[in-house]
């Protein structure tokens, strides 16, 4: 299976259908959480066994009781398959909670768009052309990018989402994943950092995209917009007491502008991360070794938390695994306890007093090397590792 995500250009009627279905799905999701909370409290007060209403039982409750109430007939206006998927998603969230894999399911906010899931039921449900695609419930809808989707592909399902005022559709497609064994070179080690995004054991250095003029200019603009939004919220509070001139419409416009800047920054960082990963994979190494970083612990450092979050280390790791699997390259991960930066790649001596400000590694044996290059070489040569692909 392979997924394709692309921006769409829906008409006003199609936007109304998407928004209506999304609102109904969000309502059903929240209603299922509230119903199960009530059942839990009742069973606790009575002293009986804990009761839980799954997706199938809740679907019967919606069809037989809730939708027949005169004020709830609008539920039937949404796509039934999308509503069913919202119930399935809620049931999965509860199962994860019961297994202690996640916290209690959270209610979906009105300001957050809920994804509309549409599965394939008939052969004629989906169809692809160069500039448009056929989707159940919406019929033909125009695409922003032409020729991105493969024309002769079998779509099994799609999910419509909204982000920063734009609409996207993600397709799940059946495709042949052809793995091959190219002429491979020796393995490489990759050390992720803050000053530079990544340092390869081959000596190749990948800069930090957040230090470029484009990103700095956007961050400056974002800061200005956020200050403006904050002032509008303060003005709205004064309006309730008889002063202030801010309106909710102006606040909504400002929120959308902030979302668009954040979305653009996210795209710039994501695309750069993809570019770096593809550059590493194209060298066709036998294996790629990375370090299992304790990102959660590192984020507790107030001085470095913003810089760490902007580097997208988790996305780097997941995209590297995906691309390496396609090229049949082994991805190795070394334990976070391995002192990659403090170990001399020449003699193997561990320098315990190495500080973060020391960018050049100087060993007692007389060997000098860049700190990050030294770490990447140690990762490449490490014998204890876990295979991810």
Protein backbone atom coordinates (compact mmCIF):
# COMPACT_ATOMS: atom_id res chain seq x y z
CA UNK A 1 0.00 0.00 0.00
CA UNK A 2 1.15 3.52 -0.79
CA UNK A 3 -0.35 6.89 0.16
CA UNK A 4 -0.58 10.11 -1.83
CA UNK A 5 -1.56 13.44 -0.30
CA UNK A 6 -2.56 16.30 -2.58
CA UNK A 7 -4.31 19.67 -2.29
CA UNK A 8 -7.75 19.99 -3.92
CA UNK A 9 -9.85 22.90 -5.20
CA UNK A 10 -13.44 22.15 -4.14
CA UNK A 11 -16.41 24.24 -5.22
CA UNK A 12 -18.62 26.09 -2.72
CA UNK A 13 -21.15 23.21 -2.72
CA UNK A 14 -18.40 20.64 -2.16
CA UNK A 15 -16.95 22.72 0.70
CA UNK A 16 -20.38 22.76 2.39
CA UNK A 17 -20.60 18.95 2.10
CA UNK A 18 -17.08 18.48 3.49
CA UNK A 19 -17.69 20.87 6.41
CA UNK A 20 -21.10 19.34 7.21
CA UNK A 21 -19.74 15.76 7.18
CA UNK A 22 -16.71 16.80 9.26
CA UNK A 23 -18.96 18.48 11.86
CA UNK A 24 -21.25 15.43 12.10
CA UNK A 25 -18.28 13.07 12.47
CA UNK A 26 -16.82 15.26 15.21
CA UNK A 27 -20.19 15.34 17.00
CA UNK A 28 -20.53 11.54 16.80
CA UNK A 29 -16.98 11.05 18.12
CA UNK A 30 -17.61 13.37 21.08
CA UNK A 31 -21.05 11.85 21.74
CA UNK A 32 -19.55 8.35 21.91
CA UNK A 33 -16.97 9.53 24.47
CA UNK A 34 -19.69 11.21 26.57
CA UNK A 35 -21.96 8.12 26.41
CA UNK A 36 -19.19 5.79 27.57
CA UNK A 37 -18.25 8.19 30.37
CA UNK A 38 -21.87 8.13 31.56
CA UNK A 39 -22.02 4.30 31.37
CA UNK A 40 -18.79 4.08 33.39
CA UNK A 41 -20.13 6.41 36.13
CA UNK A 42 -23.46 4.53 36.32
CA UNK A 43 -21.75 1.14 36.61
CA UNK A 44 -19.42 2.55 39.31
CA UNK A 45 -22.33 3.93 41.37
CA UNK A 46 -24.39 0.76 41.08
CA UNK A 47 -21.37 -1.45 41.73
CA UNK A 48 -21.83 -3.59 38.62
CA UNK A 49 -19.28 -4.56 35.97
CA UNK A 50 -17.84 -1.74 33.88
CA UNK A 51 -19.85 -1.28 30.71
CA UNK A 52 -18.53 -0.12 27.34
CA UNK A 53 -20.40 0.67 24.13
CA UNK A 54 -18.38 -0.28 21.05
CA UNK A 55 -18.72 1.02 17.48
CA UNK A 56 -21.41 -1.48 16.43
CA UNK A 57 -23.55 -0.92 19.54
CA UNK A 58 -23.21 2.85 19.28
CA UNK A 59 -24.17 2.70 15.58
CA UNK A 60 -27.43 0.94 16.57
CA UNK A 61 -28.03 3.57 19.25
CA UNK A 62 -27.54 6.38 16.67
CA UNK A 63 -29.86 4.78 14.07
CA UNK A 64 -32.61 3.62 16.44
CA UNK A 65 -32.72 6.41 19.01
CA UNK A 66 -30.60 9.52 18.52
CA UNK A 67 -31.29 10.18 14.81
CA UNK A 68 -35.08 9.85 15.36
CA UNK A 69 -35.16 12.83 17.72
CA UNK A 70 -36.63 15.82 15.86
CA UNK A 71 -33.66 18.08 16.68
CA UNK A 72 -31.11 15.46 15.57
CA UNK A 73 -32.28 14.68 12.03
CA UNK A 74 -29.27 16.60 10.61
CA UNK A 75 -27.07 13.61 11.52
CA UNK A 76 -28.47 11.69 8.53
CA UNK A 77 -27.29 14.38 6.09
CA UNK A 78 -23.64 13.20 6.38
CA UNK A 79 -22.05 10.21 4.65
CA UNK A 80 -22.81 7.01 6.60
CA UNK A 81 -19.37 5.47 5.96
CA UNK A 82 -17.60 8.54 7.32
CA UNK A 83 -19.80 8.44 10.46
CA UNK A 84 -19.05 4.74 10.94
CA UNK A 85 -15.30 5.42 10.70
CA UNK A 86 -15.58 8.12 13.40
CA UNK A 87 -17.09 5.48 15.72
CA UNK A 88 -14.34 2.99 14.83
CA UNK A 89 -11.68 5.63 15.57
CA UNK A 90 -13.25 6.34 18.96
CA UNK A 91 -13.38 2.62 19.78
CA UNK A 92 -9.67 2.28 18.89
CA UNK A 93 -8.88 5.23 21.18
CA UNK A 94 -10.73 3.55 24.07
CA UNK A 95 -8.99 0.19 23.45
CA UNK A 96 -5.60 1.92 23.62
CA UNK A 97 -6.70 3.54 26.89
CA UNK A 98 -7.78 0.19 28.36
CA UNK A 99 -4.42 -1.36 27.38
CA UNK A 100 -2.65 1.64 29.01
CA UNK A 101 -0.99 2.52 25.69
CA UNK A 102 -2.51 6.03 25.70
CA UNK A 103 -4.47 8.45 27.85
CA UNK A 104 -8.24 8.86 28.02
CA UNK A 105 -9.73 9.86 24.61
CA UNK A 106 -10.00 13.63 24.22
CA UNK A 107 -12.97 15.53 22.85
CA UNK A 108 -12.50 17.04 19.39
CA UNK A 109 -12.70 20.83 19.33
CA UNK A 110 -14.91 22.71 16.92
CA UNK A 111 -12.00 24.78 15.62
CA UNK A 112 -10.08 21.61 14.69
CA UNK A 113 -11.18 20.01 11.42
CA UNK A 114 -12.12 16.32 11.68
CA UNK A 115 -10.91 14.15 8.78
CA UNK A 116 -13.62 12.67 6.52
CA UNK A 117 -12.85 9.01 5.68
CA UNK A 118 -14.42 7.53 2.54
CA UNK A 119 -13.79 3.83 1.69
CA UNK A 120 -14.18 2.08 -1.68
CA UNK A 121 -17.42 0.07 -1.96
CA UNK A 122 -17.85 -0.19 -5.74
CA UNK A 123 -15.47 -0.10 -8.72
CA UNK A 124 -16.99 3.19 -9.89
CA UNK A 125 -16.45 5.02 -6.56
CA UNK A 126 -13.00 6.35 -7.47
CA UNK A 127 -11.57 7.47 -10.78
CA UNK A 128 -8.41 9.45 -11.62
CA UNK A 129 -7.68 11.87 -14.42
CA UNK A 130 -4.74 14.22 -14.92
CA UNK A 131 -6.39 17.30 -13.39
CA UNK A 132 -9.31 15.88 -11.38
CA UNK A 133 -10.40 12.90 -9.31
CA UNK A 134 -13.75 11.27 -8.57
CA UNK A 135 -14.58 10.79 -4.87
CA UNK A 136 -17.74 9.34 -3.27
CA UNK A 137 -20.11 12.00 -1.90
CA UNK A 138 -18.33 14.80 -3.83
CA UNK A 139 -18.18 13.37 -7.38
CA UNK A 140 -15.46 15.01 -9.53
CA UNK A 141 -13.15 17.42 -7.73
CA UNK A 142 -10.25 19.46 -9.16
CA UNK A 143 -6.63 18.92 -8.10
CA UNK A 144 -4.06 21.65 -7.41
CA UNK A 145 -1.19 19.55 -8.84
CA UNK A 146 -1.54 17.88 -12.24
CA UNK A 147 -0.03 14.51 -13.05
CA UNK A 148 0.98 13.73 -9.44
CA UNK A 149 -1.36 10.76 -8.96
CA UNK A 150 -0.67 7.64 -11.10
CA UNK A 151 -3.59 7.27 -13.52
CA UNK A 152 -3.69 3.46 -13.52
CA UNK A 153 -3.85 2.96 -9.75
CA UNK A 154 -6.44 1.22 -7.59
CA UNK A 155 -7.63 3.49 -4.76
CA UNK A 156 -8.91 1.64 -1.69
CA UNK A 157 -9.89 4.67 0.42
CA UNK A 158 -9.37 8.39 0.91
CA UNK A 159 -9.41 10.90 3.76
CA UNK A 160 -10.29 14.59 3.30
CA UNK A 161 -8.69 17.03 5.75
CA UNK A 162 -8.48 20.80 6.21
CA UNK A 163 -5.41 22.72 7.33
CA UNK A 164 -4.75 26.47 7.37
CA UNK A 165 -7.86 27.12 5.26
CA UNK A 166 -6.77 24.59 2.57
CA UNK A 167 -8.35 21.24 1.71
CA UNK A 168 -6.32 18.07 1.16
CA UNK A 169 -7.15 14.51 0.20
CA UNK A 170 -5.01 11.47 1.09
CA UNK A 171 -5.41 8.39 -1.10
CA UNK A 172 -4.45 4.85 -0.10
CA UNK A 173 -3.38 3.05 -3.26
CA UNK A 174 -2.49 -0.56 -4.09
CA UNK A 175 0.95 -0.51 -5.71
CA UNK A 176 3.79 -2.93 -6.32
CA UNK A 177 6.72 -2.07 -4.09
CA UNK A 178 9.67 -3.33 -6.14
CA UNK A 179 12.72 -3.88 -3.97
CA UNK A 180 16.04 -4.34 -5.68
CA UNK A 181 19.64 -4.83 -4.67
CA UNK A 182 21.75 -2.11 -6.27
CA UNK A 183 25.53 -2.03 -6.13
CA UNK A 184 25.94 -0.91 -2.56
CA UNK A 185 28.78 0.99 -0.93
CA UNK A 186 30.00 0.65 2.65
CA UNK A 187 27.70 1.66 5.51
CA UNK A 188 27.47 5.20 6.85
CA UNK A 189 26.78 6.76 10.24
CA UNK A 190 24.56 9.84 10.63
CA UNK A 191 24.77 12.12 13.68
CA UNK A 192 21.83 14.49 14.18
CA UNK A 193 22.47 17.83 15.84
CA UNK A 194 21.24 21.34 16.57
CA UNK A 195 23.97 23.47 15.01
CA UNK A 196 23.75 21.38 11.82
CA UNK A 197 20.83 19.08 10.97
CA UNK A 198 23.00 16.05 10.19
CA UNK A 199 26.64 15.05 9.77
CA UNK A 200 27.53 11.97 7.70
CA UNK A 201 30.57 9.77 8.35
CA UNK A 202 31.60 10.48 4.75
CA UNK A 203 32.28 14.09 5.81
CA UNK A 204 29.14 15.54 4.24
CA UNK A 205 27.50 18.24 6.36
CA UNK A 206 23.82 19.28 6.08
CA UNK A 207 23.10 22.80 7.31
CA UNK A 208 20.35 23.89 9.69
CA UNK A 209 17.50 25.23 7.52
CA UNK A 210 16.21 27.34 10.44
CA UNK A 211 19.23 29.65 10.15
CA UNK A 212 18.46 30.69 6.55
CA UNK A 213 17.07 34.13 5.65
CA UNK A 214 13.73 32.77 4.37
CA UNK A 215 12.89 30.96 7.63
CA UNK A 216 14.10 33.85 9.82
CA UNK A 217 11.94 36.29 7.84
CA UNK A 218 8.87 34.06 8.22
CA UNK A 219 9.49 33.63 11.96
CA UNK A 220 9.74 37.40 12.35
CA UNK A 221 6.45 37.79 10.47
CA UNK A 222 4.85 35.07 12.61
CA UNK A 223 5.94 36.82 15.80
CA UNK A 224 4.36 40.07 14.61
CA UNK A 225 1.08 38.34 13.68
CA UNK A 226 0.93 36.53 17.02
CA UNK A 227 1.40 39.81 18.89
CA UNK A 228 -1.41 41.34 16.83
CA UNK A 229 -3.66 38.35 17.62
CA UNK A 230 -2.85 38.63 21.33
CA UNK A 231 -3.82 42.33 21.32
CA UNK A 232 -7.13 41.51 19.62
CA UNK A 233 -7.98 38.92 22.28
CA UNK A 234 -7.21 41.45 25.04
CA UNK A 235 -9.34 44.02 23.23
CA UNK A 236 -12.21 41.50 23.01
CA UNK A 237 -12.09 41.05 26.80
CA UNK A 238 -12.38 44.83 27.23
CA UNK A 239 -15.33 44.89 24.82
CA UNK A 240 -17.34 42.69 27.19
CA UNK A 241 -16.88 45.33 29.87
CA UNK A 242 -18.00 48.16 27.59
CA UNK A 243 -14.69 49.05 25.88
CA UNK A 244 -12.60 47.74 22.96
CA UNK A 245 -13.40 47.50 19.26
CA UNK A 246 -12.21 43.97 18.31
CA UNK A 247 -14.62 41.64 16.50
CA UNK A 248 -14.65 37.85 16.20
CA UNK A 249 -14.40 38.07 12.40
CA UNK A 250 -11.14 40.02 12.60
CA UNK A 251 -9.79 37.52 15.12
CA UNK A 252 -10.70 34.61 12.80
CA UNK A 253 -8.83 36.31 9.92
CA UNK A 254 -5.80 36.81 12.13
CA UNK A 255 -5.88 33.19 13.33
CA UNK A 256 -5.99 32.00 9.70
CA UNK A 257 -2.97 34.16 8.78
CA UNK A 258 -1.01 32.69 11.73
CA UNK A 259 -1.98 29.16 10.64
CA UNK A 260 -0.80 29.83 7.08
CA UNK A 261 2.63 31.04 8.23
CA UNK A 262 3.01 28.03 10.55
CA UNK A 263 1.95 25.73 7.71
CA UNK A 264 4.52 27.27 5.35
CA UNK A 265 7.31 26.94 7.93
CA UNK A 266 6.35 23.32 8.51
CA UNK A 267 6.46 22.62 4.76
CA UNK A 268 9.92 24.21 4.39
CA UNK A 269 11.35 22.10 7.23
CA UNK A 270 9.66 18.91 6.02
CA UNK A 271 10.85 19.29 2.43
CA UNK A 272 14.40 20.01 3.54
CA UNK A 273 14.38 16.91 5.77
CA UNK A 274 13.17 14.82 2.81
CA UNK A 275 15.93 16.27 0.63
CA UNK A 276 18.61 15.32 3.19
CA UNK A 277 17.26 11.77 3.61
CA UNK A 278 17.05 11.23 -0.16
CA UNK A 279 20.65 12.47 -0.54
CA UNK A 280 21.82 9.89 2.01
CA UNK A 281 19.79 7.04 0.49
CA UNK A 282 20.95 7.80 -3.08
CA UNK A 283 24.55 6.97 -2.08
CA UNK A 284 23.26 3.36 -1.82
CA UNK A 285 25.05 2.39 1.42
CA UNK A 286 24.88 -1.14 2.81
CA UNK A 287 23.47 0.26 6.06
CA UNK A 288 22.72 3.59 7.75
CA UNK A 289 23.31 3.92 11.50
CA UNK A 290 21.58 6.55 13.63
CA UNK A 291 21.37 7.20 17.37
CA UNK A 292 18.29 6.60 19.53
CA UNK A 293 17.95 10.15 20.86
CA UNK A 294 16.07 10.93 24.08
CA UNK A 295 14.10 13.81 22.52
CA UNK A 296 11.55 13.98 25.35
CA UNK A 297 14.30 14.45 27.91
CA UNK A 298 16.17 16.96 25.74
CA UNK A 299 13.01 19.04 25.30
CA UNK A 300 13.05 19.80 29.03
CA UNK A 301 16.00 22.11 28.44
CA UNK A 302 14.31 25.52 28.09
CA UNK A 303 17.23 26.99 26.16
CA UNK A 304 17.30 24.28 23.48
CA UNK A 305 13.68 23.03 23.33
CA UNK A 306 12.63 25.34 20.45
CA UNK A 307 15.71 24.49 18.38
CA UNK A 308 15.19 20.76 18.95
CA UNK A 309 11.50 20.91 17.97
CA UNK A 310 12.34 22.77 14.74
CA UNK A 311 14.84 20.12 13.63
CA UNK A 312 12.11 17.43 13.16
CA UNK A 313 14.30 14.54 14.30
CA UNK A 314 11.41 12.10 14.64
CA UNK A 315 10.22 12.82 11.08
CA UNK A 316 13.82 12.40 9.87
CA UNK A 317 13.98 8.95 11.45
CA UNK A 318 10.59 7.76 10.14
CA UNK A 319 11.18 9.06 6.60
CA UNK A 320 14.65 7.48 6.58
CA UNK A 321 13.13 4.11 7.53
CA UNK A 322 10.52 4.41 4.77
CA UNK A 323 12.98 5.38 2.03
CA UNK A 324 15.55 2.78 3.12
CA UNK A 325 12.93 0.04 3.04
CA UNK A 326 12.17 0.90 -0.59
CA UNK A 327 15.86 0.66 -1.53
CA UNK A 328 16.44 -2.45 0.64
CA UNK A 329 18.94 -0.59 2.87
CA UNK A 330 19.41 -1.67 6.49
CA UNK A 331 18.73 1.01 9.12
CA UNK A 332 20.49 0.47 12.43
CA UNK A 333 19.79 2.35 15.67
CA UNK A 334 22.38 2.57 18.45
CA UNK A 335 21.43 2.84 22.14
CA UNK A 336 21.29 6.35 23.61
CA UNK A 337 23.78 5.29 26.29
CA UNK A 338 26.51 4.83 23.66
CA UNK A 339 29.02 7.75 24.03
CA UNK A 340 29.35 8.52 20.32
CA UNK A 341 30.57 12.11 20.82
CA UNK A 342 32.93 11.37 23.72
CA UNK A 343 34.67 8.35 22.16
CA UNK A 344 37.79 8.83 20.04
CA UNK A 345 37.23 7.28 16.60
CA UNK A 346 41.00 6.69 16.29
CA UNK A 347 42.05 4.97 19.54
CA UNK A 348 38.69 4.36 21.28
CA UNK A 349 39.47 6.41 24.40
CA UNK A 350 36.41 7.97 26.12
CA UNK A 351 36.78 11.65 27.02
CA UNK A 352 34.37 12.10 29.94
CA UNK A 353 34.96 15.84 30.41
CA UNK A 354 33.80 16.79 26.88
CA UNK A 355 31.38 19.75 26.97
CA UNK A 356 28.73 20.88 24.50
CA UNK A 357 30.71 24.03 23.62
CA UNK A 358 33.74 21.93 22.56
CA UNK A 359 33.18 21.63 18.80
CA UNK A 360 36.61 20.10 18.08
CA UNK A 361 37.36 16.71 19.65
CA UNK A 362 40.96 16.58 20.91
CA UNK A 363 42.18 13.21 22.17
CA UNK A 364 45.18 12.48 24.39
CA UNK A 365 46.63 10.41 21.53
CA UNK A 366 47.02 13.63 19.51
CA UNK A 367 44.03 12.99 17.21
CA UNK A 368 41.88 16.05 16.36
CA UNK A 369 38.57 15.97 14.50
CA UNK A 370 35.23 17.76 14.27
CA UNK A 371 32.97 16.66 17.13
CA UNK A 372 29.98 15.72 14.91
CA UNK A 373 32.13 13.90 12.32
CA UNK A 374 33.74 11.93 15.15
CA UNK A 375 30.26 10.93 16.45
CA UNK A 376 29.07 9.83 12.99
CA UNK A 377 32.19 7.65 12.48
CA UNK A 378 31.64 6.02 15.89
CA UNK A 379 28.01 5.32 15.00
CA UNK A 380 29.07 3.73 11.71
CA UNK A 381 31.59 1.44 13.45
CA UNK A 382 29.39 0.55 16.45
CA UNK A 383 28.90 -3.23 16.81
CA UNK A 384 25.91 -3.17 19.19
CA UNK A 385 22.73 -1.99 17.44
CA UNK A 386 19.10 -2.73 16.71
CA UNK A 387 17.85 -3.22 13.13
CA UNK A 388 14.75 -1.16 12.20
CA UNK A 389 14.28 -2.33 8.57
